[in-house]
Amino acid sequence: MTHVKICGITSFEDGLCAANAGADFLGFIFFRRSPRYIAPGAAGEITSRLTEHFVDPNTRPVSGAESGQTPRYIGVFVNESLEVVEETIRRANLDFAQLHGEETPAMLEALGGRGFKALRPTSAAEAEIEAEWFAELGPDNGPQLLVDAYDANAYGGTGKRADWNAAAGLGRIYPRMVLAGGLTPTNVAAAVETVRPWAVDVSSGVEFEAGCKDSDKVRDFIFSAKGLGAAGSGSERRMRD
């Protein structure tokens, strides 16, 4: 079953909604120029509250991560120093760091299996070259690399669709590849069928405004990505809340 990362979490309520719907990963963006930026301390409060909430096995996500575990937490960084990344990992209780800028393989090596690289390739050939540099440095128990859409003026969250053909080629080589870029509840099933990624990543595609998740879209996205059928609507959704 495809894993799901809901990125750009800025509130406990959005994180809880995603966790209850079955998200395997929650992403927090620590890039100050992003409209979904969150301070490390605020992210730490959210992750701590979520972890405490799911201590009781009876409140864990019923369709979430394998073995009924709470989601794992990922921080998104753009060209930060190693010291800043490591301190944020500690303060925000993160499991992994997603490096989304022009970071080098040496940066991933220094993180010692706690980080993975997001690629924004301009071509399939570039994607293959960059994947060779970074994929084997990713964590053994998490994403190896992420493929996002290229944009000359932004590092992500643009809603642009990634190159599915290039991503599919990488997915055949690297078994824990994450597909991002332009995914929505209406196209994620097709993306999973075409690319066969280990995980899919969404942010703007499940929002009603930047940084604020639409709970119905979050549920629909997760259910579609995991092939669980329709999430339901109206009173059915309220009964699950």
Protein backbone atom coordinates (compact mmCIF):
# COMPACT_ATOMS: atom_id res chain seq x y z
CA MET A 1 0.00 0.00 0.00
CA THR A 2 1.29 3.45 -0.92
CA HIS A 3 2.46 5.62 1.94
CA VAL A 4 1.17 9.20 2.25
CA LYS A 5 2.85 12.38 3.47
CA ILE A 6 0.65 15.38 4.25
CA CYS A 7 2.98 18.36 4.16
CA GLY A 8 2.73 21.96 5.29
CA ILE A 9 1.11 21.19 8.64
CA THR A 10 0.69 24.36 10.69
CA SER A 11 -1.82 23.34 13.39
CA PHE A 12 -2.54 20.47 15.74
CA GLU A 13 -6.03 20.13 14.26
CA ASP A 14 -4.71 19.63 10.74
CA GLY A 15 -2.14 17.15 11.97
CA LEU A 16 -4.75 15.19 13.91
CA CYS A 17 -7.09 15.11 10.92
CA ALA A 18 -4.34 13.75 8.68
CA ALA A 19 -3.24 11.20 11.26
CA ASN A 20 -6.77 9.94 11.83
CA ALA A 21 -7.30 9.63 8.08
CA GLY A 22 -4.23 7.41 7.77
CA ALA A 23 -1.26 9.65 6.94
CA ASP A 24 2.07 7.88 7.38
CA PHE A 25 4.10 11.11 7.50
CA LEU A 26 3.38 14.70 8.49
CA GLY A 27 5.57 17.43 7.03
CA PHE A 28 6.54 20.75 8.62
CA ILE A 29 8.12 23.49 6.51
CA PHE A 30 10.98 25.47 8.05
CA PHE A 31 11.64 27.69 5.03
CA ARG A 32 10.75 31.24 6.07
CA ARG A 33 9.71 32.35 2.60
CA SER A 34 7.02 29.66 2.41
CA PRO A 35 3.41 30.60 3.25
CA ARG A 36 3.36 27.31 5.17
CA TYR A 37 6.35 28.19 7.36
CA ILE A 38 6.20 27.11 10.97
CA ALA A 39 8.70 27.89 13.73
CA PRO A 40 10.55 24.90 15.20
CA GLY A 41 9.07 25.45 18.66
CA ALA A 42 5.52 25.58 17.33
CA ALA A 43 6.10 22.40 15.32
CA GLY A 44 7.48 20.75 18.43
CA GLU A 45 4.31 21.59 20.34
CA ILE A 46 2.22 19.96 17.61
CA THR A 47 4.31 16.79 17.40
CA SER A 48 4.39 16.45 21.19
CA ARG A 49 0.61 16.82 21.43
CA LEU A 50 0.04 14.30 18.65
CA THR A 51 2.39 11.78 20.22
CA GLU A 52 0.66 12.17 23.58
CA HIS A 53 -2.75 11.88 21.92
CA PHE A 54 -1.89 8.53 20.40
CA VAL A 55 -0.21 6.99 23.44
CA ASP A 56 -3.49 5.22 24.12
CA PRO A 57 -3.75 2.41 21.54
CA ASN A 58 -7.49 3.03 21.34
CA THR A 59 -6.91 6.48 19.81
CA ARG A 60 -4.32 5.53 17.21
CA PRO A 61 -5.18 6.04 13.53
CA VAL A 62 -7.29 3.10 12.40
CA SER A 63 -6.04 3.20 8.80
CA GLY A 64 -2.71 4.89 9.29
CA ALA A 65 0.89 3.81 9.41
CA GLU A 66 1.87 0.16 9.50
CA SER A 67 1.31 -1.58 12.84
CA GLY A 68 -1.03 1.23 13.90
CA GLN A 69 1.81 3.60 14.74
CA THR A 70 1.50 7.34 14.85
CA PRO A 71 2.77 9.19 11.77
CA ARG A 72 6.44 10.03 11.54
CA TYR A 73 7.45 13.67 11.36
CA ILE A 74 9.47 15.24 8.56
CA GLY A 75 10.99 18.70 8.49
CA VAL A 76 11.45 20.46 5.15
CA PHE A 77 14.57 22.62 4.89
CA VAL A 78 15.99 24.84 2.15
CA ASN A 79 19.72 25.56 2.21
CA GLU A 80 20.02 25.60 5.99
CA SER A 81 23.24 24.82 7.82
CA LEU A 82 23.78 21.41 9.36
CA GLU A 83 23.65 22.98 12.82
CA VAL A 84 20.25 24.55 12.19
CA VAL A 85 18.84 21.31 10.78
CA GLU A 86 20.08 19.24 13.70
CA GLU A 87 18.77 21.72 16.27
CA THR A 88 15.37 21.84 14.55
CA ILE A 89 15.19 18.05 14.46
CA ARG A 90 15.68 18.09 18.21
CA ARG A 91 13.27 20.96 18.99
CA ALA A 92 10.49 19.76 16.72
CA ASN A 93 10.81 16.04 17.56
CA LEU A 94 11.41 15.13 13.91
CA ASP A 95 12.18 11.72 12.50
CA PHE A 96 13.66 12.91 9.21
CA ALA A 97 14.89 16.03 7.43
CA GLN A 98 13.88 16.65 3.81
CA LEU A 99 16.50 18.79 2.07
CA HIS A 100 14.74 20.77 -0.63
CA GLY A 101 17.39 23.23 -1.81
CA GLU A 102 20.88 22.98 -3.27
CA GLU A 103 22.31 20.84 -0.48
CA THR A 104 25.22 18.51 -1.22
CA PRO A 105 25.65 14.77 -0.63
CA ALA A 106 28.04 15.69 2.18
CA MET A 107 25.14 17.29 4.05
CA LEU A 108 23.17 14.05 3.90
CA GLU A 109 26.18 12.05 4.99
CA ALA A 110 26.57 14.31 8.01
CA LEU A 111 22.94 13.71 9.00
CA GLY A 112 23.72 10.00 9.33
CA GLY A 113 20.55 8.46 7.93
CA ARG A 114 18.18 11.10 9.26
CA GLY A 115 17.81 13.01 5.98
CA PHE A 116 16.83 12.57 2.35
CA LYS A 117 17.03 14.79 -0.72
CA ALA A 118 14.18 16.33 -2.70
CA LEU A 119 14.96 16.56 -6.41
CA ARG A 120 13.52 19.19 -8.73
CA PRO A 121 14.97 17.99 -12.02
CA THR A 122 14.60 19.80 -15.32
CA SER A 123 14.83 16.53 -17.27
CA ALA A 124 14.79 12.77 -16.88
CA ALA A 125 18.56 12.69 -17.46
CA GLU A 126 19.13 15.21 -14.67
CA ALA A 127 16.85 13.22 -12.38
CA GLU A 128 18.90 10.06 -12.96
CA ILE A 129 22.20 11.81 -12.25
CA GLU A 130 20.98 13.49 -9.06
CA ALA A 131 19.36 10.29 -7.83
CA GLU A 132 22.69 8.49 -8.14
CA TRP A 133 24.25 11.15 -5.92
CA PHE A 134 21.65 11.17 -3.18
CA ALA A 135 19.42 8.08 -3.03
CA GLU A 136 21.80 5.74 -1.23
CA LEU A 137 22.36 8.36 1.49
CA GLY A 138 18.70 8.34 2.56
CA PRO A 139 17.49 6.55 5.69
CA ASP A 140 17.08 2.78 5.70
CA ASN A 141 13.67 3.05 7.35
CA GLY A 142 12.23 6.03 5.46
CA PRO A 143 12.24 7.84 2.13
CA GLN A 144 15.32 7.51 -0.09
CA LEU A 145 14.51 10.57 -2.17
CA LEU A 146 11.63 12.76 -3.28
CA VAL A 147 10.82 13.92 -6.81
CA ASP A 148 9.08 17.30 -7.11
CA ALA A 149 8.23 19.59 -10.02
CA TYR A 150 10.84 22.03 -11.29
CA ASP A 151 10.14 25.73 -10.89
CA ALA A 152 12.77 28.38 -11.51
CA ASN A 153 11.29 30.72 -8.90
CA ALA A 154 10.13 28.42 -6.09
CA TYR A 155 11.35 25.43 -4.11
CA GLY A 156 7.98 23.68 -3.90
CA GLY A 157 4.33 24.07 -2.99
CA THR A 158 3.56 25.51 -6.42
CA GLY A 159 0.92 23.00 -7.46
CA LYS A 160 2.91 22.18 -10.59
CA ARG A 161 2.95 18.53 -11.63
CA ALA A 162 6.22 16.61 -11.56
CA ASP A 163 7.41 14.59 -14.53
CA TRP A 164 5.64 11.29 -13.89
CA ASN A 165 7.62 9.42 -16.55
CA ALA A 166 10.95 10.48 -15.07
CA ALA A 167 9.69 9.62 -11.58
CA ALA A 168 8.49 6.20 -12.72
CA GLY A 169 11.94 5.46 -14.08
CA LEU A 170 13.55 6.34 -10.77
CA GLY A 171 10.95 4.33 -8.87
CA ARG A 172 12.00 1.19 -10.71
CA ILE A 173 15.55 1.69 -9.42
CA TYR A 174 14.99 3.17 -5.97
CA PRO A 175 12.26 1.34 -4.03
CA ARG A 176 11.51 4.10 -1.48
CA MET A 177 10.91 7.05 -3.80
CA VAL A 178 8.36 9.73 -2.90
CA LEU A 179 6.36 11.51 -5.61
CA ALA A 180 5.33 15.13 -5.04
CA GLY A 181 4.21 18.03 -7.20
CA GLY A 182 0.69 18.90 -8.29
CA LEU A 183 -1.03 15.96 -6.64
CA THR A 184 -4.70 16.25 -5.67
CA PRO A 185 -7.47 13.92 -4.51
CA THR A 186 -8.63 13.63 -8.14
CA ASN A 187 -5.31 12.67 -9.74
CA VAL A 188 -3.41 10.81 -7.02
CA ALA A 189 -4.86 7.40 -7.92
CA ALA A 190 -3.67 7.85 -11.51
CA ALA A 191 -0.27 8.98 -10.24
CA VAL A 192 0.07 5.87 -8.08
CA GLU A 193 -0.96 3.66 -11.00
CA THR A 194 1.46 5.34 -13.41
CA VAL A 195 4.51 5.96 -11.23
CA ARG A 196 4.21 3.22 -8.58
CA PRO A 197 5.91 5.36 -5.91
CA TRP A 198 6.64 4.15 -2.41
CA ALA A 199 4.91 7.29 -1.12
CA VAL A 200 3.09 10.38 -2.34
CA ASP A 201 3.40 13.88 -0.90
CA VAL A 202 0.78 16.63 -0.98
CA SER A 203 0.47 20.14 0.42
CA SER A 204 -1.40 22.72 -1.67
CA GLY A 205 -3.60 20.03 -3.24
CA VAL A 206 -5.51 19.49 0.02
CA GLU A 207 -5.84 23.09 1.21
CA PHE A 208 -8.56 25.75 1.16
CA GLU A 209 -5.83 28.37 1.60
CA ALA A 210 -2.07 28.23 2.03
CA GLY A 211 -1.23 26.53 5.31
CA CYS A 212 -4.82 25.50 6.10
CA LYS A 213 -5.91 21.97 5.24
CA ASP A 214 -9.35 21.02 3.96
CA SER A 215 -10.27 17.97 6.05
CA ASP A 216 -12.45 16.42 3.34
CA LYS A 217 -9.69 16.78 0.74
CA VAL A 218 -7.14 15.31 3.15
CA ARG A 219 -9.31 12.24 3.70
CA ASP A 220 -10.15 11.86 0.03
CA PHE A 221 -6.49 12.13 -0.93
CA ILE A 222 -5.34 9.51 1.57
CA PHE A 223 -8.11 7.07 0.73
CA SER A 224 -7.49 7.45 -3.01
CA ALA A 225 -3.73 7.10 -2.66
CA LYS A 226 -4.08 3.95 -0.58
CA GLY A 227 -6.78 2.46 -2.81
CA LEU A 228 -9.32 2.38 0.01
CA GLY A 229 -12.22 3.70 -2.05
CA ALA A 230 -14.20 6.86 -1.34
CA ALA A 231 -13.74 8.52 2.02
CA GLY A 232 -17.41 9.38 2.23
CA SER A 233 -19.01 12.75 2.83
CA GLY A 234 -21.34 14.72 5.01
CA SER A 235 -22.62 12.81 8.02
CA GLU A 236 -20.28 9.86 7.33
CA ARG A 237 -17.28 12.13 7.65
CA ARG A 238 -18.56 13.80 10.78
CA MET A 239 -19.01 10.39 12.39
CA ARG A 240 -15.31 9.66 11.87
CA ASP A 241 -14.14 12.97 13.39
